[in-house]
Protein backbone atom coordinates (compact mmCIF):
# COMPACT_ATOMS: atom_id res chain seq x y z
CA MET A 1 -13.42 32.76 18.22
CA ALA A 2 -12.46 30.52 21.00
CA THR A 3 -13.64 26.93 20.80
CA LEU A 4 -15.10 24.71 23.52
CA ARG A 5 -11.60 23.01 23.84
CA ASP A 6 -9.83 26.39 24.20
CA ILE A 7 -12.19 27.47 26.95
CA ARG A 8 -11.89 24.09 28.88
CA ARG A 9 -8.18 24.52 28.67
CA ARG A 10 -8.41 27.98 29.97
CA ILE A 11 -10.52 26.68 32.87
CA VAL A 12 -8.06 24.17 33.74
CA SER A 13 -5.15 26.58 33.66
CA VAL A 14 -7.18 29.10 35.98
CA ARG A 15 -7.91 26.32 38.32
CA ASN A 16 -4.21 25.26 38.66
CA THR A 17 -3.33 28.93 39.38
CA ARG A 18 -6.19 29.23 42.03
CA GLN A 19 -4.54 26.13 43.84
CA ILE A 20 -1.23 27.85 43.78
CA THR A 21 -2.57 31.21 45.05
CA ARG A 22 -4.70 29.44 47.64
CA ALA A 23 -1.68 27.45 49.03
CA MET A 24 0.57 30.59 49.23
CA LYS A 25 -2.21 32.36 51.11
CA VAL A 26 -2.54 29.55 53.69
CA VAL A 27 1.40 29.47 54.00
CA ALA A 28 1.47 33.29 54.36
CA ALA A 29 -1.16 33.17 57.05
CA SER A 30 0.42 30.58 58.99
CA ARG A 31 3.83 32.37 58.92
CA LEU A 32 2.21 35.61 59.65
CA ARG A 33 0.79 34.54 62.98
CA ARG A 34 4.23 33.61 64.23
CA SER A 35 5.75 36.69 62.84
CA GLN A 36 2.97 38.93 64.62
CA GLU A 37 3.96 37.42 68.17
CA SER A 38 7.57 38.20 67.46
CA ILE A 39 7.04 41.82 66.56
CA PHE A 40 4.40 42.31 69.20
CA ASN A 41 6.93 40.97 71.72
CA ALA A 42 9.91 42.97 70.35
CA ARG A 43 8.13 46.61 70.24
CA PRO A 44 7.90 47.42 73.98
CA TYR A 45 11.68 46.51 74.64
CA ALA A 46 12.80 48.34 71.45
CA ASN A 47 10.48 51.36 72.26
CA GLN A 48 11.89 51.77 75.89
CA MET A 49 15.26 51.19 74.75
CA MET A 50 14.85 54.10 72.33
CA VAL A 51 13.24 56.36 74.98
CA LEU A 52 16.27 55.60 77.24
CA LEU A 53 19.08 56.22 74.80
CA GLU A 54 17.39 59.55 73.55
CA SER A 55 17.25 60.68 77.09
CA LEU A 56 20.85 59.94 77.76
CA ALA A 57 21.89 61.45 74.60
CA GLY A 58 20.11 64.62 75.85
CA ARG A 59 22.18 64.70 78.90
CA LEU A 60 25.85 63.47 78.04
CA GLU A 61 28.38 65.13 75.83
CA GLN A 62 28.89 63.74 72.31
CA GLN A 63 32.56 62.89 73.11
CA GLN A 64 31.24 60.16 75.63
CA HIS A 65 30.98 57.61 72.67
CA PRO A 66 31.44 57.71 68.90
CA LEU A 67 27.77 56.73 68.29
CA LEU A 68 26.72 59.93 69.85
CA ALA A 69 28.98 61.91 67.65
CA ARG A 70 27.17 64.42 65.47
CA ARG A 71 28.97 65.53 62.25
CA PRO A 72 28.09 67.53 59.00
CA GLU A 73 26.12 65.11 56.97
CA LYS A 74 28.24 64.83 53.89
CA LYS A 75 27.91 61.04 53.60
CA ILE A 76 24.81 59.20 54.31
CA LEU A 77 24.16 55.51 54.42
CA LEU A 78 20.45 54.38 53.66
CA VAL A 79 19.51 50.91 54.58
CA VAL A 80 16.64 49.58 52.19
CA VAL A 81 14.82 46.40 53.67
CA THR A 82 12.91 44.73 50.77
CA ALA A 83 11.54 41.19 50.29
CA ASP A 84 13.51 38.48 48.62
CA ARG A 85 10.48 37.29 46.58
CA GLY A 86 7.38 39.23 44.86
CA LEU A 87 3.72 38.25 44.67
CA CYS A 88 3.20 40.66 47.63
CA GLY A 89 1.22 43.49 45.90
CA ALA A 90 3.02 46.91 46.02
CA PHE A 91 5.08 46.03 49.03
CA ASN A 92 8.39 46.32 47.15
CA ALA A 93 7.40 48.89 44.64
CA ASN A 94 6.46 51.45 47.43
CA LEU A 95 9.80 50.88 49.27
CA LEU A 96 11.78 51.37 46.10
CA ARG A 97 9.83 54.38 45.11
CA THR A 98 10.67 55.89 48.50
CA ALA A 99 14.22 54.99 48.34
CA GLN A 100 14.61 56.60 44.89
CA ASN A 101 12.83 59.65 45.93
CA TYR A 102 15.26 59.69 49.00
CA ILE A 103 18.45 59.54 46.84
CA ARG A 104 16.92 62.39 44.43
CA GLU A 105 16.26 64.62 47.50
CA HIS A 106 19.87 64.06 48.86
CA ARG A 107 21.68 64.07 45.44
CA GLN A 108 23.85 66.96 46.78
CA ARG A 109 25.20 64.42 49.29
CA GLU A 110 27.22 61.19 48.87
CA VAL A 111 24.63 58.41 49.49
CA SER A 112 25.49 54.90 49.74
CA LEU A 113 23.01 51.79 50.36
CA ILE A 114 22.91 48.62 52.15
CA THR A 115 20.27 46.48 50.79
CA VAL A 116 18.35 43.80 52.68
CA GLY A 117 16.47 41.50 50.44
CA ARG A 118 16.89 40.27 47.06
CA LYS A 119 14.19 42.64 45.24
CA GLY A 120 16.22 45.59 46.55
CA ARG A 121 19.72 44.23 45.57
CA ASP A 122 18.49 43.39 42.03
CA PHE A 123 16.76 46.86 41.60
CA PHE A 124 19.76 48.98 42.62
CA ARG A 125 22.36 46.86 40.83
CA LYS A 126 21.10 48.17 37.52
CA ARG A 127 21.55 51.80 38.67
CA PRO A 128 24.39 54.25 39.24
CA VAL A 129 24.44 54.03 43.25
CA THR A 130 27.07 53.04 45.62
CA MET A 131 26.53 49.74 47.42
CA ALA A 132 28.22 49.43 50.97
CA ALA A 133 26.76 45.79 51.44
CA GLU A 134 24.00 43.34 50.52
CA TYR A 135 21.95 40.86 52.50
CA VAL A 136 19.74 38.08 50.91
CA ASN A 137 17.65 35.20 51.91
CA ILE A 138 17.61 35.98 55.55
CA PHE A 139 13.83 36.26 55.94
CA ARG A 140 13.64 32.37 55.43
CA GLN A 141 14.62 32.00 58.91
CA LEU A 142 15.12 35.33 60.65
CA GLU A 143 17.13 35.34 63.66
CA PHE A 144 18.78 37.91 65.79
CA ALA A 145 22.16 37.04 64.52
CA HIS A 146 21.13 38.64 61.13
CA ALA A 147 20.34 41.90 62.89
CA LYS A 148 23.62 41.85 64.77
CA GLU A 149 25.71 41.33 61.59
CA LEU A 150 23.96 44.08 59.90
CA ALA A 151 24.18 46.37 63.02
CA ASP A 152 27.95 45.63 63.40
CA LYS A 153 28.43 46.69 59.80
CA ILE A 154 26.49 49.98 60.32
CA ILE A 155 28.37 50.72 63.49
CA GLU A 156 31.65 50.11 61.80
CA LEU A 157 30.88 52.35 58.91
CA TYR A 158 29.57 55.13 61.33
CA THR A 159 32.33 54.96 63.94
CA SER A 160 34.94 54.97 61.10
CA GLU A 161 33.50 58.37 59.77
CA LYS A 162 32.80 56.58 56.42
CA VAL A 163 29.16 57.84 56.72
CA ASP A 164 27.87 60.66 58.84
CA ALA A 165 24.16 59.41 59.23
CA VAL A 166 22.36 56.13 58.84
CA ASP A 167 18.73 55.99 57.74
CA PHE A 168 16.50 53.08 57.43
CA VAL A 169 13.53 52.53 54.90
CA TYR A 170 11.26 49.73 55.59
CA ASN A 171 7.56 48.67 55.80
CA GLU A 172 5.93 48.82 59.21
CA PHE A 173 3.22 46.29 59.98
CA LYS A 174 0.14 48.00 60.96
CA SER A 175 -2.60 45.34 60.43
CA MET A 176 -3.46 42.58 58.01
CA MET A 177 -4.43 45.29 55.44
CA SER A 178 -2.17 47.92 56.15
CA GLN A 179 1.60 48.55 56.05
CA ASN A 180 3.17 51.76 56.13
CA VAL A 181 6.53 52.77 54.60
CA LYS A 182 8.82 54.31 57.41
CA LEU A 183 11.82 56.27 57.02
CA GLU A 184 13.63 56.62 60.19
CA ARG A 185 17.13 57.98 61.36
CA TYR A 186 18.82 55.47 63.41
CA LEU A 187 22.27 57.26 63.79
CA PRO A 188 23.27 59.67 65.16
CA ILE A 189 20.86 59.16 68.19
CA GLU A 190 18.43 62.22 68.27
CA PRO A 191 18.70 63.70 71.96
CA LEU A 192 15.34 64.03 73.75
CA VAL A 193 14.29 67.66 73.90
CA PRO A 194 11.79 68.25 76.79
CA PRO A 195 8.94 70.51 76.44
CA GLU A 196 9.23 74.15 77.33
CA GLY A 197 9.12 74.56 80.93
CA GLU A 198 10.07 71.14 81.73
CA TYR A 199 13.56 69.55 82.55
CA LEU A 200 15.23 66.07 82.08
CA THR A 201 15.49 64.03 85.10
CA ASP A 202 19.17 63.01 85.73
CA TYR A 203 20.07 59.55 86.43
CA ILE A 204 22.48 58.04 88.88
CA TYR A 205 25.14 56.23 87.31
CA GLU A 206 26.38 53.16 89.22
CA GLN A 207 29.29 52.89 86.53
CA ALA A 208 30.98 55.49 84.57
CA PRO A 209 28.83 56.95 81.67
CA ALA A 210 31.16 55.81 79.08
CA GLN A 211 31.35 52.29 80.27
CA ILE A 212 27.35 52.22 80.43
CA LEU A 213 27.15 53.61 76.99
CA LYS A 214 29.88 51.21 75.37
CA THR A 215 27.21 48.51 76.32
CA LEU A 216 24.12 50.14 75.65
CA LEU A 217 24.53 51.94 72.41
CA PRO A 218 25.57 49.04 70.26
CA ARG A 219 22.80 46.98 71.76
CA TYR A 220 20.36 49.82 70.85
CA VAL A 221 21.49 49.69 67.24
CA GLU A 222 21.13 45.75 67.31
CA ILE A 223 17.50 46.05 68.84
CA GLU A 224 16.29 48.69 66.35
CA VAL A 225 17.76 46.92 63.34
CA PHE A 226 16.10 43.55 64.46
CA ARG A 227 12.81 45.44 65.01
CA SER A 228 12.75 46.87 61.72
CA LEU A 229 13.63 43.37 59.98
CA LEU A 230 10.58 41.90 62.15
CA GLU A 231 8.29 44.69 61.10
CA SER A 232 9.21 44.11 57.37
CA GLN A 233 8.89 40.38 57.56
CA ALA A 234 5.37 40.72 59.14
CA ALA A 235 4.30 43.34 56.75
CA GLU A 236 5.49 41.30 53.78
CA LEU A 237 3.63 38.19 54.86
CA ALA A 238 0.53 40.23 55.50
CA ALA A 239 0.81 41.80 51.79
CA ARG A 240 1.37 38.50 50.19
CA MET A 241 -1.49 36.97 52.28
CA THR A 242 -3.74 39.88 50.96
CA ALA A 243 -2.45 39.69 47.32
CA MET A 244 -3.00 35.93 47.21
CA GLU A 245 -6.56 36.30 48.54
CA ALA A 246 -7.40 38.76 45.80
CA ALA A 247 -5.82 36.52 43.35
CA THR A 248 -7.72 33.52 44.45
CA ASN A 249 -10.90 35.57 44.30
CA ASN A 250 -10.06 36.91 40.83
CA ALA A 251 -9.56 33.36 39.73
CA ASP A 252 -12.98 32.14 40.99
CA GLU A 253 -14.69 34.99 39.15
CA LEU A 254 -12.72 34.20 36.07
CA ILE A 255 -13.70 30.68 36.19
CA GLU A 256 -17.37 31.32 36.67
CA SER A 257 -17.10 33.77 33.62
CA LEU A 258 -15.55 31.07 31.43
CA ARG A 259 -18.11 28.57 32.54
CA LEU A 260 -20.94 30.84 31.58
CA LYS A 261 -19.27 31.46 28.18
CA LEU A 262 -18.59 27.67 27.57
CA ASN A 263 -22.35 26.97 28.64
CA ARG A 264 -23.45 29.63 26.00
CA LEU A 265 -21.12 28.38 23.35
CA ARG A 266 -22.25 24.71 23.84
CA GLN A 267 -25.90 25.76 24.09
CA ALA A 268 -25.32 27.75 20.75
CA GLY A 269 -23.77 24.69 19.24
CA ILE A 270 -26.60 22.41 20.14
CA THR A 271 -29.14 24.79 19.17
CA LYS A 272 -27.47 25.03 15.73
CA GLU A 273 -27.24 21.19 15.43
CA ILE A 274 -31.06 21.10 16.17
CA ILE A 275 -31.88 23.56 13.68
CA GLU A 276 -29.86 21.73 11.01
CA VAL A 277 -31.56 18.48 11.89
CA VAL A 278 -34.99 19.98 11.80
CA SER A 279 -34.14 21.86 8.49
CA GLY A 280 -33.16 18.48 7.07
CA ALA A 281 -36.09 16.58 8.09
CA GLN A 282 -38.48 19.27 6.68
CA ALA A 283 -36.47 19.19 3.36
CA LEU A 284 -37.04 15.50 3.08
CA GLU A 285 -40.82 16.17 3.63
CA TYR A 286 -40.99 18.32 0.59
């Protein structure tokens, strides 16, 4: 049975843990506000860029640019965007489970991985998968240069025909309480198919289409990669803030329960001492 000293030590330990979780929640909330602003600013540009490129892909021939080339999907590149740290609920577990299911479903093809984040790298290092590249510690100070470096690697693998398709799996930020695991195809660019009875409006090219695509297509990949990294960063911070808030609340409940147990044990000790004193006094009387 726990003694009063054991319970007091446990209360002190839980209080220290509560201070840590509360501080982590405040830090995550502070960083989340800035991350939300970044993702809300990036989404409209990325969405319009995607609509434009899908529309162009539906009009132009695949030979116009290597990033428009469509080949039989024998070799696939999967980019897994996880966090560098834990303590963010099921954030990493859901991503890794989705990635494993993807690899299992495409086991008839050659799947290679690029991992972004320490958790994904450490997880797949212990498994028989081909690692094309790894990027860690970029979420401490996420910049567009990180997305450009990753995009350049993806473009190099695709244009050299080392891979025939590029898919991304990451967490999309929806709200403070909701993050959705997204699996998206980045390359090749899917052409826009108009509804039945409608036609695509053609563009007037002030330069040769090949020259325009040479600038737009790499930029499209960079923007999409940067958007996915921003989404993942915001989702990670939201998940960590939620997890730390739940941990803080659990610590409060545990402390209250330990206090109640401490008071009961102390009251039982006092009652026992009083009974012993009374019993001794009565024994002396007789």
